[in-house]
């Protein structure tokens, strides 16, 4: 515990880490601004314009609606797909069809909270990396081991300090983002009728976001133990993003559920979907066609994969740190 307290004090004494944390708060502000901007009700001019278009289309439908519906049903009957639905019974114009879309708190509001997840992942990971890599770059790790010669406790205390050290910044960033989104939707009168399930989803998303930061900090610290330089860690992360998250993900779409970006998205949102092109589908006329098949990545699977990746990094980093010369 003494080592952990000392490491935490050293973590909070690093000005660079606080500067990085400020960047996270800036992103929080941008997410809140986007939520406020996107949830604004339509202006009086937009409503008036929509009313004009609605009245024009309604008049046309009253004059030609029966023929339009008949033509629609005729086209639907000729479709080779027996499940085809052309929406012929929904053709009568409604005013809401012409109004600008207004997002709901239960939908876009909850999802917008997840927009900060990548920023938390990157900032917390960078804080953990910088904290440990600076010890190797300055040679302080060698001096530190003369006072605490047991490497495993030193390793554990530094990872523990990274885990706990980023918590205040992550908690504040998530709190500002969540509170700002609620205020944005409330100021536009969009919280009326929000269900308990929607509030529960918003709360759960916030809690899962809180877990992303400390875990990312531990992963960043473990990479720093392996590579010893912040620049080297950044190079590996960029290479991973380009090759695995970008190139291979595009070439082999079935790898999508094993990418960090999709796993983090699924974890934060409580699950997500992805599409894989299937070109083995036979059309009614016998020809082969391609279609996109939607798959689900569950939160549990994503969490286990992310946790497994971090555990592997920590174990490998510990083994290397125990055996390699720190000089």
C-alpha atoms as a PDB file:
ATOM      1  CA  UNK A   1       0.000   0.000   0.000  1.00  0.00           C
ATOM      2  CA  UNK A   2       2.878   2.369   0.719  1.00  0.00           C
ATOM      3  CA  UNK A   3       4.228   1.840  -2.791  1.00  0.00           C
ATOM      4  CA  UNK A   4       0.797   2.494  -4.273  1.00  0.00           C
ATOM      5  CA  UNK A   5       0.391   5.730  -2.313  1.00  0.00           C
ATOM      6  CA  UNK A   6       3.797   6.933  -3.450  1.00  0.00           C
ATOM      7  CA  UNK A   7       3.078   6.037  -7.072  1.00  0.00           C
ATOM      8  CA  UNK A   8      -0.275   7.827  -6.957  1.00  0.00           C
ATOM      9  CA  UNK A   9       1.438  10.945  -5.621  1.00  0.00           C
ATOM     10  CA  UNK A  10       3.960  10.759  -8.458  1.00  0.00           C
ATOM     11  CA  UNK A  11       1.143  10.241 -10.965  1.00  0.00           C
ATOM     12  CA  UNK A  12      -0.701  13.364  -9.856  1.00  0.00           C
ATOM     13  CA  UNK A  13       2.541  15.365  -9.767  1.00  0.00           C
ATOM     14  CA  UNK A  14       3.022  14.983 -13.517  1.00  0.00           C
ATOM     15  CA  UNK A  15       1.751  18.182 -15.159  1.00  0.00           C
ATOM     16  CA  UNK A  16       1.665  16.553 -18.599  1.00  0.00           C
ATOM     17  CA  UNK A  17      -0.983  14.092 -17.450  1.00  0.00           C
ATOM     18  CA  UNK A  18      -3.240  16.907 -16.308  1.00  0.00           C
ATOM     19  CA  UNK A  19      -2.759  18.650 -19.664  1.00  0.00           C
ATOM     20  CA  UNK A  20      -3.852  15.462 -21.426  1.00  0.00           C
ATOM     21  CA  UNK A  21      -6.873  15.256 -19.121  1.00  0.00           C
ATOM     22  CA  UNK A  22      -7.889  18.781 -20.152  1.00  0.00           C
ATOM     23  CA  UNK A  23      -8.178  17.511 -23.715  1.00  0.00           C
ATOM     24  CA  UNK A  24     -10.692  14.930 -22.512  1.00  0.00           C
ATOM     25  CA  UNK A  25     -12.817  17.660 -20.931  1.00  0.00           C
ATOM     26  CA  UNK A  26     -12.743  19.583 -24.217  1.00  0.00           C
ATOM     27  CA  UNK A  27     -14.115  16.507 -25.996  1.00  0.00           C
ATOM     28  CA  UNK A  28     -16.814  16.245 -23.316  1.00  0.00           C
ATOM     29  CA  UNK A  29     -17.844  19.799 -24.061  1.00  0.00           C
ATOM     30  CA  UNK A  30     -18.000  19.089 -27.786  1.00  0.00           C
ATOM     31  CA  UNK A  31     -20.220  16.043 -27.222  1.00  0.00           C
ATOM     32  CA  UNK A  32     -22.563  18.106 -25.050  1.00  0.00           C
ATOM     33  CA  UNK A  33     -22.686  20.890 -27.646  1.00  0.00           C
ATOM     34  CA  UNK A  34     -23.489  18.359 -30.370  1.00  0.00           C
ATOM     35  CA  UNK A  35     -26.297  16.915 -28.215  1.00  0.00           C
ATOM     36  CA  UNK A  36     -27.714  20.390 -27.633  1.00  0.00           C
ATOM     37  CA  UNK A  37     -27.430  21.362 -31.302  1.00  0.00           C
ATOM     38  CA  UNK A  38     -28.958  18.146 -32.657  1.00  0.00           C
ATOM     39  CA  UNK A  39     -31.856  18.155 -30.174  1.00  0.00           C
ATOM     40  CA  UNK A  40     -33.054  21.669 -30.998  1.00  0.00           C
ATOM     41  CA  UNK A  41     -36.724  21.813 -32.019  1.00  0.00           C
ATOM     42  CA  UNK A  42     -37.492  22.925 -35.581  1.00  0.00           C
ATOM     43  CA  UNK A  43     -37.631  26.669 -36.110  1.00  0.00           C
ATOM     44  CA  UNK A  44     -40.842  28.527 -36.882  1.00  0.00           C
ATOM     45  CA  UNK A  45     -39.683  28.951 -40.483  1.00  0.00           C
ATOM     46  CA  UNK A  46     -39.035  25.208 -40.827  1.00  0.00           C
ATOM     47  CA  UNK A  47     -42.473  24.410 -39.392  1.00  0.00           C
ATOM     48  CA  UNK A  48     -44.147  26.878 -41.758  1.00  0.00           C
ATOM     49  CA  UNK A  49     -42.294  25.423 -44.745  1.00  0.00           C
ATOM     50  CA  UNK A  50     -43.250  21.897 -43.686  1.00  0.00           C
ATOM     51  CA  UNK A  51     -46.882  22.954 -43.337  1.00  0.00           C
ATOM     52  CA  UNK A  52     -46.850  24.355 -46.871  1.00  0.00           C
ATOM     53  CA  UNK A  53     -45.414  21.159 -48.374  1.00  0.00           C
ATOM     54  CA  UNK A  54     -47.817  19.051 -46.324  1.00  0.00           C
ATOM     55  CA  UNK A  55     -50.869  20.954 -47.548  1.00  0.00           C
ATOM     56  CA  UNK A  56     -49.694  20.715 -51.161  1.00  0.00           C
ATOM     57  CA  UNK A  57     -49.112  16.977 -50.953  1.00  0.00           C
ATOM     58  CA  UNK A  58     -52.349  16.386 -49.059  1.00  0.00           C
ATOM     59  CA  UNK A  59     -54.322  18.211 -51.744  1.00  0.00           C
ATOM     60  CA  UNK A  60     -52.638  16.129 -54.444  1.00  0.00           C
ATOM     61  CA  UNK A  61     -53.374  12.917 -52.528  1.00  0.00           C
ATOM     62  CA  UNK A  62     -57.038  13.841 -52.094  1.00  0.00           C
ATOM     63  CA  UNK A  63     -57.280  14.254 -55.860  1.00  0.00           C
ATOM     64  CA  UNK A  64     -55.163  11.298 -56.989  1.00  0.00           C
ATOM     65  CA  UNK A  65     -54.765   9.156 -53.893  1.00  0.00           C
ATOM     66  CA  UNK A  66     -56.906   6.231 -54.973  1.00  0.00           C
ATOM     67  CA  UNK A  67     -54.984   5.811 -58.213  1.00  0.00           C
ATOM     68  CA  UNK A  68     -51.630   6.193 -56.435  1.00  0.00           C
ATOM     69  CA  UNK A  69     -52.519   3.477 -53.917  1.00  0.00           C
ATOM     70  CA  UNK A  70     -53.788   1.194 -56.681  1.00  0.00           C
ATOM     71  CA  UNK A  71     -50.569   1.639 -58.683  1.00  0.00           C
ATOM     72  CA  UNK A  72     -48.527   0.954 -55.575  1.00  0.00           C
ATOM     73  CA  UNK A  73     -50.377  -2.272 -54.810  1.00  0.00           C
ATOM     74  CA  UNK A  74     -50.042  -3.350 -58.427  1.00  0.00           C
ATOM     75  CA  UNK A  75     -46.264  -2.896 -58.303  1.00  0.00           C
ATOM     76  CA  UNK A  76     -46.114  -4.741 -54.993  1.00  0.00           C
ATOM     77  CA  UNK A  77     -48.029  -7.695 -56.430  1.00  0.00           C
ATOM     78  CA  UNK A  78     -45.464  -7.968 -59.243  1.00  0.00           C
ATOM     79  CA  UNK A  79     -42.504  -8.124 -56.859  1.00  0.00           C
ATOM     80  CA  UNK A  80     -40.995 -11.663 -56.805  1.00  0.00           C
ATOM     81  CA  UNK A  81     -40.445 -11.344 -53.061  1.00  0.00           C
ATOM     82  CA  UNK A  82     -43.669 -12.521 -51.354  1.00  0.00           C
ATOM     83  CA  UNK A  83     -42.729 -10.541 -48.239  1.00  0.00           C
ATOM     84  CA  UNK A  84     -42.282  -7.258 -50.107  1.00  0.00           C
ATOM     85  CA  UNK A  85     -44.105  -4.346 -48.495  1.00  0.00           C
ATOM     86  CA  UNK A  86     -44.267  -1.093 -50.431  1.00  0.00           C
ATOM     87  CA  UNK A  87     -46.145   0.715 -47.670  1.00  0.00           C
ATOM     88  CA  UNK A  88     -49.151   1.352 -49.866  1.00  0.00           C
ATOM     89  CA  UNK A  89     -51.410   1.855 -46.853  1.00  0.00           C
ATOM     90  CA  UNK A  90     -49.094   4.563 -45.492  1.00  0.00           C
ATOM     91  CA  UNK A  91     -49.090   6.833 -48.519  1.00  0.00           C
ATOM     92  CA  UNK A  92     -51.392   9.495 -47.122  1.00  0.00           C
ATOM     93  CA  UNK A  93     -49.255  12.530 -46.222  1.00  0.00           C
ATOM     94  CA  UNK A  94     -48.738  13.387 -42.551  1.00  0.00           C
ATOM     95  CA  UNK A  95     -47.300  16.620 -41.214  1.00  0.00           C
ATOM     96  CA  UNK A  96     -44.487  14.839 -39.332  1.00  0.00           C
ATOM     97  CA  UNK A  97     -43.176  13.508 -42.647  1.00  0.00           C
ATOM     98  CA  UNK A  98     -42.166  17.041 -43.610  1.00  0.00           C
ATOM     99  CA  UNK A  99     -40.856  18.308 -40.274  1.00  0.00           C
ATOM    100  CA  UNK A 100     -37.131  18.093 -39.444  1.00  0.00           C
ATOM    101  CA  UNK A 101     -36.323  14.964 -37.452  1.00  0.00           C
ATOM    102  CA  UNK A 102     -36.307  15.462 -33.681  1.00  0.00           C
ATOM    103  CA  UNK A 103     -34.089  12.991 -31.802  1.00  0.00           C
ATOM    104  CA  UNK A 104     -35.347  11.214 -28.705  1.00  0.00           C
ATOM    105  CA  UNK A 105     -33.497  10.986 -25.421  1.00  0.00           C
ATOM    106  CA  UNK A 106     -34.058   7.217 -25.274  1.00  0.00           C
ATOM    107  CA  UNK A 107     -32.437   6.796 -28.688  1.00  0.00           C
ATOM    108  CA  UNK A 108     -29.985   9.461 -29.777  1.00  0.00           C
ATOM    109  CA  UNK A 109     -29.577  10.884 -26.265  1.00  0.00           C
ATOM    110  CA  UNK A 110     -28.338   7.611 -24.797  1.00  0.00           C
ATOM    111  CA  UNK A 111     -26.203   6.804 -27.833  1.00  0.00           C
ATOM    112  CA  UNK A 112     -24.596  10.251 -27.859  1.00  0.00           C
ATOM    113  CA  UNK A 113     -23.157   9.528 -24.428  1.00  0.00           C
ATOM    114  CA  UNK A 114     -21.103   6.776 -26.041  1.00  0.00           C
ATOM    115  CA  UNK A 115     -19.486   9.310 -28.389  1.00  0.00           C
ATOM    116  CA  UNK A 116     -16.903  10.046 -25.726  1.00  0.00           C
ATOM    117  CA  UNK A 117     -15.810   6.414 -25.394  1.00  0.00           C
ATOM    118  CA  UNK A 118     -12.937   6.599 -27.905  1.00  0.00           C
ATOM    119  CA  UNK A 119     -11.652   9.811 -26.320  1.00  0.00           C
ATOM    120  CA  UNK A 120     -11.649   8.155 -22.890  1.00  0.00           C
ATOM    121  CA  UNK A 121      -9.888   5.102 -24.325  1.00  0.00           C
ATOM    122  CA  UNK A 122      -7.147   7.134 -25.996  1.00  0.00           C
ATOM    123  CA  UNK A 123      -6.618   9.717 -23.251  1.00  0.00           C
ATOM    124  CA  UNK A 124      -6.577   7.213 -20.395  1.00  0.00           C
ATOM    125  CA  UNK A 125      -4.290   4.915 -22.367  1.00  0.00           C
ATOM    126  CA  UNK A 126      -1.934   7.811 -23.095  1.00  0.00           C
ATOM    127  CA  UNK A 127      -1.890   8.835 -19.432  1.00  0.00           C
ATOM    128  CA  UNK A 128      -0.961   5.303 -18.355  1.00  0.00           C
ATOM    129  CA  UNK A 129       1.695   5.053 -21.060  1.00  0.00           C
ATOM    130  CA  UNK A 130       3.274   8.422 -20.318  1.00  0.00           C
ATOM    131  CA  UNK A 131       3.345   7.754 -16.576  1.00  0.00           C
ATOM    132  CA  UNK A 132       5.374   4.536 -16.930  1.00  0.00           C
ATOM    133  CA  UNK A 133       7.444   5.403 -20.012  1.00  0.00           C
ATOM    134  CA  UNK A 134       8.752   8.556 -18.329  1.00  0.00           C
ATOM    135  CA  UNK A 135      10.290   6.368 -15.614  1.00  0.00           C
ATOM    136  CA  UNK A 136      12.321   4.464 -18.205  1.00  0.00           C
ATOM    137  CA  UNK A 137      13.220   7.530 -20.275  1.00  0.00           C
ATOM    138  CA  UNK A 138      14.620   9.386 -17.258  1.00  0.00           C
ATOM    139  CA  UNK A 139      16.263   6.350 -15.678  1.00  0.00           C
ATOM    140  CA  UNK A 140      14.175   6.836 -12.546  1.00  0.00           C
ATOM    141  CA  UNK A 141      13.015   3.227 -12.658  1.00  0.00           C
ATOM    142  CA  UNK A 142      16.570   2.042 -11.920  1.00  0.00           C
ATOM    143  CA  UNK A 143      16.851   4.333  -8.910  1.00  0.00           C
ATOM    144  CA  UNK A 144      13.406   3.308  -7.740  1.00  0.00           C
ATOM    145  CA  UNK A 145      14.358  -0.372  -7.799  1.00  0.00           C
ATOM    146  CA  UNK A 146      17.250   0.314  -5.436  1.00  0.00           C
ATOM    147  CA  UNK A 147      14.715   1.445  -2.824  1.00  0.00           C
ATOM    148  CA  UNK A 148      12.119  -1.200  -3.717  1.00  0.00           C
ATOM    149  CA  UNK A 149      14.136  -4.060  -5.258  1.00  0.00           C
ATOM    150  CA  UNK A 150      11.201  -6.439  -5.702  1.00  0.00           C
ATOM    151  CA  UNK A 151       9.997  -5.972  -9.236  1.00  0.00           C
ATOM    152  CA  UNK A 152       6.548  -7.527  -8.943  1.00  0.00           C
ATOM    153  CA  UNK A 153       5.351  -5.062  -6.245  1.00  0.00           C
ATOM    154  CA  UNK A 154       6.840  -2.168  -8.225  1.00  0.00           C
ATOM    155  CA  UNK A 155       5.075  -3.357 -11.379  1.00  0.00           C
ATOM    156  CA  UNK A 156       1.777  -3.838  -9.553  1.00  0.00           C
ATOM    157  CA  UNK A 157       1.978  -0.448  -7.828  1.00  0.00           C
ATOM    158  CA  UNK A 158       2.583   1.382 -11.104  1.00  0.00           C
ATOM    159  CA  UNK A 159      -0.317  -0.362 -12.818  1.00  0.00           C
ATOM    160  CA  UNK A 160      -2.466   0.270  -9.751  1.00  0.00           C
ATOM    161  CA  UNK A 161      -1.522   3.949  -9.806  1.00  0.00           C
ATOM    162  CA  UNK A 162      -2.407   4.156 -13.507  1.00  0.00           C
ATOM    163  CA  UNK A 163      -5.750   2.446 -12.811  1.00  0.00           C
ATOM    164  CA  UNK A 164      -6.676   4.722  -9.909  1.00  0.00           C
ATOM    165  CA  UNK A 165      -4.939   7.830 -11.213  1.00  0.00           C
ATOM    166  CA  UNK A 166      -7.154   8.290 -14.248  1.00  0.00           C
ATOM    167  CA  UNK A 167     -10.387   7.760 -12.319  1.00  0.00           C
ATOM    168  CA  UNK A 168     -10.929  11.430 -11.303  1.00  0.00           C
ATOM    169  CA  UNK A 169     -10.516  12.636 -14.885  1.00  0.00           C
ATOM    170  CA  UNK A 170     -12.730   9.874 -16.281  1.00  0.00           C
ATOM    171  CA  UNK A 171     -15.425  10.363 -13.633  1.00  0.00           C
ATOM    172  CA  UNK A 172     -15.472  14.108 -14.236  1.00  0.00           C
ATOM    173  CA  UNK A 173     -15.547  13.698 -18.035  1.00  0.00           C
ATOM    174  CA  UNK A 174     -18.394  11.174 -17.933  1.00  0.00           C
ATOM    175  CA  UNK A 175     -20.261  13.273 -15.363  1.00  0.00           C
ATOM    176  CA  UNK A 176     -19.943  16.444 -17.435  1.00  0.00           C
ATOM    177  CA  UNK A 177     -20.994  14.631 -20.598  1.00  0.00           C
ATOM    178  CA  UNK A 178     -23.946  12.818 -19.040  1.00  0.00           C
ATOM    179  CA  UNK A 179     -25.147  15.871 -17.134  1.00  0.00           C
ATOM    180  CA  UNK A 180     -24.717  18.103 -20.165  1.00  0.00           C
ATOM    181  CA  UNK A 181     -26.727  15.764 -22.394  1.00  0.00           C
ATOM    182  CA  UNK A 182     -29.549  15.636 -19.856  1.00  0.00           C
ATOM    183  CA  UNK A 183     -29.580  19.439 -19.589  1.00  0.00           C
ATOM    184  CA  UNK A 184     -29.499  19.790 -23.394  1.00  0.00           C
ATOM    185  CA  UNK A 185     -32.529  17.557 -23.896  1.00  0.00           C
ATOM    186  CA  UNK A 186     -34.297  19.076 -20.899  1.00  0.00           C
ATOM    187  CA  UNK A 187     -33.832  22.615 -22.242  1.00  0.00           C
ATOM    188  CA  UNK A 188     -35.619  21.547 -25.429  1.00  0.00           C
ATOM    189  CA  UNK A 189     -38.455  19.823 -23.596  1.00  0.00           C
ATOM    190  CA  UNK A 190     -37.506  16.323 -24.741  1.00  0.00           C
ATOM    191  CA  UNK A 191     -37.448  14.592 -21.361  1.00  0.00           C
ATOM    192  CA  UNK A 192     -41.216  14.416 -20.951  1.00  0.00           C
ATOM    193  CA  UNK A 193     -42.368  10.834 -21.039  1.00  0.00           C
ATOM    194  CA  UNK A 194     -38.891   9.306 -20.873  1.00  0.00           C
ATOM    195  CA  UNK A 195     -39.347   5.790 -19.512  1.00  0.00           C
ATOM    196  CA  UNK A 196     -37.554   4.201 -16.590  1.00  0.00           C
ATOM    197  CA  UNK A 197     -35.948   1.800 -19.052  1.00  0.00           C
ATOM    198  CA  UNK A 198     -34.409   4.721 -20.956  1.00  0.00           C
ATOM    199  CA  UNK A 199     -33.020   6.228 -17.757  1.00  0.00           C
ATOM    200  CA  UNK A 200     -31.652   2.825 -16.769  1.00  0.00           C
ATOM    201  CA  UNK A 201     -29.956   2.519 -20.155  1.00  0.00           C
ATOM    202  CA  UNK A 202     -28.426   5.977 -19.748  1.00  0.00           C
ATOM    203  CA  UNK A 203     -27.163   5.084 -16.269  1.00  0.00           C
ATOM    204  CA  UNK A 204     -25.732   1.745 -17.388  1.00  0.00           C
ATOM    205  CA  UNK A 205     -23.962   3.365 -20.330  1.00  0.00           C
ATOM    206  CA  UNK A 206     -22.385   5.888 -17.959  1.00  0.00           C
ATOM    207  CA  UNK A 207     -21.153   3.140 -15.641  1.00  0.00           C
ATOM    208  CA  UNK A 208     -19.683   1.116 -18.490  1.00  0.00           C
ATOM    209  CA  UNK A 209     -17.904   4.229 -19.741  1.00  0.00           C
ATOM    210  CA  UNK A 210     -16.306   4.627 -16.315  1.00  0.00           C
ATOM    211  CA  UNK A 211     -14.777   1.166 -16.679  1.00  0.00           C
ATOM    212  CA  UNK A 212     -13.179   1.977 -20.044  1.00  0.00           C
ATOM    213  CA  UNK A 213     -10.759   4.590 -18.676  1.00  0.00           C
ATOM    214  CA  UNK A 214      -8.981   2.627 -15.918  1.00  0.00           C
ATOM    215  CA  UNK A 215      -8.701  -0.498 -18.074  1.00  0.00           C
ATOM    216  CA  UNK A 216      -7.228   1.553 -20.930  1.00  0.00           C
ATOM    217  CA  UNK A 217      -4.751   3.141 -18.509  1.00  0.00           C
ATOM    218  CA  UNK A 218      -3.603  -0.305 -17.356  1.00  0.00           C
ATOM    219  CA  UNK A 219      -3.192  -1.426 -20.976  1.00  0.00           C
ATOM    220  CA  UNK A 220      -1.192   1.715 -21.757  1.00  0.00           C
ATOM    221  CA  UNK A 221       1.028   1.199 -18.718  1.00  0.00           C
ATOM    222  CA  UNK A 222       1.632  -2.443 -19.680  1.00  0.00           C
ATOM    223  CA  UNK A 223       2.638  -1.405 -23.199  1.00  0.00           C
ATOM    224  CA  UNK A 224       5.029   1.142 -21.700  1.00  0.00           C
ATOM    225  CA  UNK A 225       6.680  -1.597 -19.637  1.00  0.00           C
ATOM    226  CA  UNK A 226       7.143  -3.564 -22.855  1.00  0.00           C
ATOM    227  CA  UNK A 227       8.306  -0.765 -25.165  1.00  0.00           C
ATOM    228  CA  UNK A 228       9.716   1.782 -22.635  1.00  0.00           C
ATOM    229  CA  UNK A 229       9.014   4.848 -24.787  1.00  0.00           C
ATOM    230  CA  UNK A 230       5.769   6.737 -25.351  1.00  0.00           C
ATOM    231  CA  UNK A 231       6.670   7.219 -29.020  1.00  0.00           C
ATOM    232  CA  UNK A 232       7.147   3.468 -29.448  1.00  0.00           C
ATOM    233  CA  UNK A 233       3.771   2.770 -27.861  1.00  0.00           C
ATOM    234  CA  UNK A 234       2.096   5.341 -30.092  1.00  0.00           C
ATOM    235  CA  UNK A 235       3.755   3.740 -33.116  1.00  0.00           C
ATOM    236  CA  UNK A 236       2.451   0.299 -32.180  1.00  0.00           C
ATOM    237  CA  UNK A 237      -1.050   1.652 -31.534  1.00  0.00           C
ATOM    238  CA  UNK A 238      -1.122   3.509 -34.851  1.00  0.00           C
ATOM    239  CA  UNK A 239       0.172   0.418 -36.650  1.00  0.00           C
ATOM    240  CA  UNK A 240      -2.507  -1.704 -34.992  1.00  0.00           C
ATOM    241  CA  UNK A 241      -5.181   0.810 -35.978  1.00  0.00           C
ATOM    242  CA  UNK A 242      -4.054   0.942 -39.605  1.00  0.00           C
ATOM    243  CA  UNK A 243      -3.401  -2.770 -40.150  1.00  0.00           C
ATOM    244  CA  UNK A 244      -5.879  -4.597 -37.918  1.00  0.00           C
ATOM    245  CA  UNK A 245      -8.649  -2.081 -37.292  1.00  0.00           C
ATOM    246  CA  UNK A 246      -8.539  -0.683 -40.816  1.00  0.00           C
ATOM    247  CA  UNK A 247      -6.956  -2.805 -43.550  1.00  0.00           C
ATOM    248  CA  UNK A 248      -7.649  -6.346 -42.335  1.00  0.00           C
ATOM    249  CA  UNK A 249     -11.086  -5.380 -41.058  1.00  0.00           C
ATOM    250  CA  UNK A 250     -11.987  -4.199 -44.561  1.00  0.00           C
ATOM    251  CA  UNK A 251     -10.433  -7.183 -46.331  1.00  0.00           C
ATOM    252  CA  UNK A 252     -11.859  -9.778 -43.940  1.00  0.00           C
ATOM    253  CA  UNK A 253     -15.194  -8.436 -42.594  1.00  0.00           C
ATOM    254  CA  UNK A 254     -15.621 -11.462 -40.306  1.00  0.00           C
ATOM    255  CA  UNK A 255     -12.809 -10.008 -38.160  1.00  0.00           C
ATOM    256  CA  UNK A 256     -15.013  -7.069 -37.134  1.00  0.00           C
ATOM    257  CA  UNK A 257     -16.110  -8.516 -33.760  1.00  0.00           C
ATOM    258  CA  UNK A 258     -12.434  -8.918 -32.821  1.00  0.00           C
ATOM    259  CA  UNK A 259     -11.481  -5.278 -33.296  1.00  0.00           C
ATOM    260  CA  UNK A 260     -10.995  -2.946 -30.356  1.00  0.00           C
ATOM    261  CA  UNK A 261     -13.205  -0.215 -31.805  1.00  0.00           C
ATOM    262  CA  UNK A 262     -16.232  -2.471 -32.265  1.00  0.00           C
ATOM    263  CA  UNK A 263     -15.638  -4.204 -28.931  1.00  0.00           C
ATOM    264  CA  UNK A 264     -15.557  -0.878 -27.085  1.00  0.00           C
ATOM    265  CA  UNK A 265     -18.698   0.242 -28.915  1.00  0.00           C
ATOM    266  CA  UNK A 266     -20.504  -2.985 -28.013  1.00  0.00           C
ATOM    267  CA  UNK A 267     -19.366  -2.742 -24.392  1.00  0.00           C
ATOM    268  CA  UNK A 268     -20.456   0.866 -23.951  1.00  0.00           C
ATOM    269  CA  UNK A 269     -23.768   0.559 -25.818  1.00  0.00           C
ATOM    270  CA  UNK A 270     -24.710  -2.781 -24.300  1.00  0.00           C
ATOM    271  CA  UNK A 271     -24.284  -4.555 -27.640  1.00  0.00           C
ATOM    272  CA  UNK A 272     -24.049  -3.525 -31.271  1.00  0.00           C
ATOM    273  CA  UNK A 273     -24.492  -4.884 -34.783  1.00  0.00           C
ATOM    274  CA  UNK A 274     -22.213  -5.227 -37.783  1.00  0.00           C
ATOM    275  CA  UNK A 275     -22.768  -6.365 -41.362  1.00  0.00           C
ATOM    276  CA  UNK A 276     -20.941  -8.978 -43.415  1.00  0.00           C
ATOM    277  CA  UNK A 277     -21.452  -9.327 -47.166  1.00  0.00           C
ATOM    278  CA  UNK A 278     -22.716 -12.751 -48.216  1.00  0.00           C
ATOM    279  CA  UNK A 279     -22.381 -13.441 -51.941  1.00  0.00           C
ATOM    280  CA  UNK A 280     -23.771 -16.962 -51.781  1.00  0.00           C
ATOM    281  CA  UNK A 281     -27.427 -15.947 -51.910  1.00  0.00           C
ATOM    282  CA  UNK A 282     -29.479 -17.366 -54.781  1.00  0.00           C
ATOM    283  CA  UNK A 283     -32.161 -15.074 -56.226  1.00  0.00           C
ATOM    284  CA  UNK A 284     -35.609 -16.406 -57.288  1.00  0.00           C
ATOM    285  CA  UNK A 285     -34.444 -16.473 -60.916  1.00  0.00           C
ATOM    286  CA  UNK A 286     -31.546 -18.764 -59.997  1.00  0.00           C
ATOM    287  CA  UNK A 287     -28.745 -16.196 -60.218  1.00  0.00           C
ATOM    288  CA  UNK A 288     -26.267 -15.652 -57.390  1.00  0.00           C
ATOM    289  CA  UNK A 289     -26.484 -12.302 -55.640  1.00  0.00           C
ATOM    290  CA  UNK A 290     -24.803 -10.558 -52.734  1.00  0.00           C
ATOM    291  CA  UNK A 291     -26.517  -9.180 -49.676  1.00  0.00           C
ATOM    292  CA  UNK A 292     -25.392  -7.816 -46.327  1.00  0.00           C
ATOM    293  CA  UNK A 293     -26.163 -10.020 -43.347  1.00  0.00           C
ATOM    294  CA  UNK A 294     -26.440  -8.297 -39.980  1.00  0.00           C
ATOM    295  CA  UNK A 295     -24.786  -9.901 -36.964  1.00  0.00           C
ATOM    296  CA  UNK A 296     -24.925  -8.989 -33.278  1.00  0.00           C
ATOM    297  CA  UNK A 297     -21.921  -8.482 -31.019  1.00  0.00           C
ATOM    298  CA  UNK A 298     -23.105  -8.858 -27.440  1.00  0.00           C
ATOM    299  CA  UNK A 299     -21.796  -6.763 -24.583  1.00  0.00           C
ATOM    300  CA  UNK A 300     -20.575  -9.812 -22.650  1.00  0.00           C
ATOM    301  CA  UNK A 301     -18.497 -11.123 -25.547  1.00  0.00           C
ATOM    302  CA  UNK A 302     -17.009  -7.684 -26.165  1.00  0.00           C
ATOM    303  CA  UNK A 303     -16.161  -7.235 -22.485  1.00  0.00           C
ATOM    304  CA  UNK A 304     -14.495 -10.644 -22.261  1.00  0.00           C
ATOM    305  CA  UNK A 305     -12.435  -9.987 -25.381  1.00  0.00           C
ATOM    306  CA  UNK A 306     -11.267  -6.584 -24.159  1.00  0.00           C
ATOM    307  CA  UNK A 307     -10.522  -7.944 -20.702  1.00  0.00           C
ATOM    308  CA  UNK A 308      -8.637 -10.897 -22.170  1.00  0.00           C
ATOM    309  CA  UNK A 309      -6.512  -8.592 -24.318  1.00  0.00           C
ATOM    310  CA  UNK A 310      -5.570  -6.461 -21.306  1.00  0.00           C
ATOM    311  CA  UNK A 311      -4.761  -9.527 -19.188  1.00  0.00           C
ATOM    312  CA  UNK A 312      -2.438 -10.859 -21.898  1.00  0.00           C
ATOM    313  CA  UNK A 313      -0.683  -7.480 -22.125  1.00  0.00           C
ATOM    314  CA  UNK A 314      -0.231  -7.308 -18.356  1.00  0.00           C
ATOM    315  CA  UNK A 315       1.111 -10.864 -18.056  1.00  0.00           C
ATOM    316  CA  UNK A 316       3.573 -10.432 -20.929  1.00  0.00           C
ATOM    317  CA  UNK A 317       4.692  -7.041 -19.592  1.00  0.00           C
ATOM    318  CA  UNK A 318       5.275  -8.501 -16.125  1.00  0.00           C
ATOM    319  CA  UNK A 319       7.313 -11.416 -17.477  1.00  0.00           C
ATOM    320  CA  UNK A 320       9.450  -9.068 -19.570  1.00  0.00           C
ATOM    321  CA  UNK A 321       9.929  -6.584 -16.718  1.00  0.00           C
ATOM    322  CA  UNK A 322      11.015  -9.324 -14.323  1.00  0.00           C
ATOM    323  CA  UNK A 323      13.671 -10.674 -16.680  1.00  0.00           C
ATOM    324  CA  UNK A 324      14.923  -7.699 -18.687  1.00  0.00           C
ATOM    325  CA  UNK A 325      17.584  -5.233 -17.615  1.00  0.00           C
ATOM    326  CA  UNK A 326      15.971  -1.857 -16.884  1.00  0.00           C
ATOM    327  CA  UNK A 327      19.082   0.177 -17.644  1.00  0.00           C
END
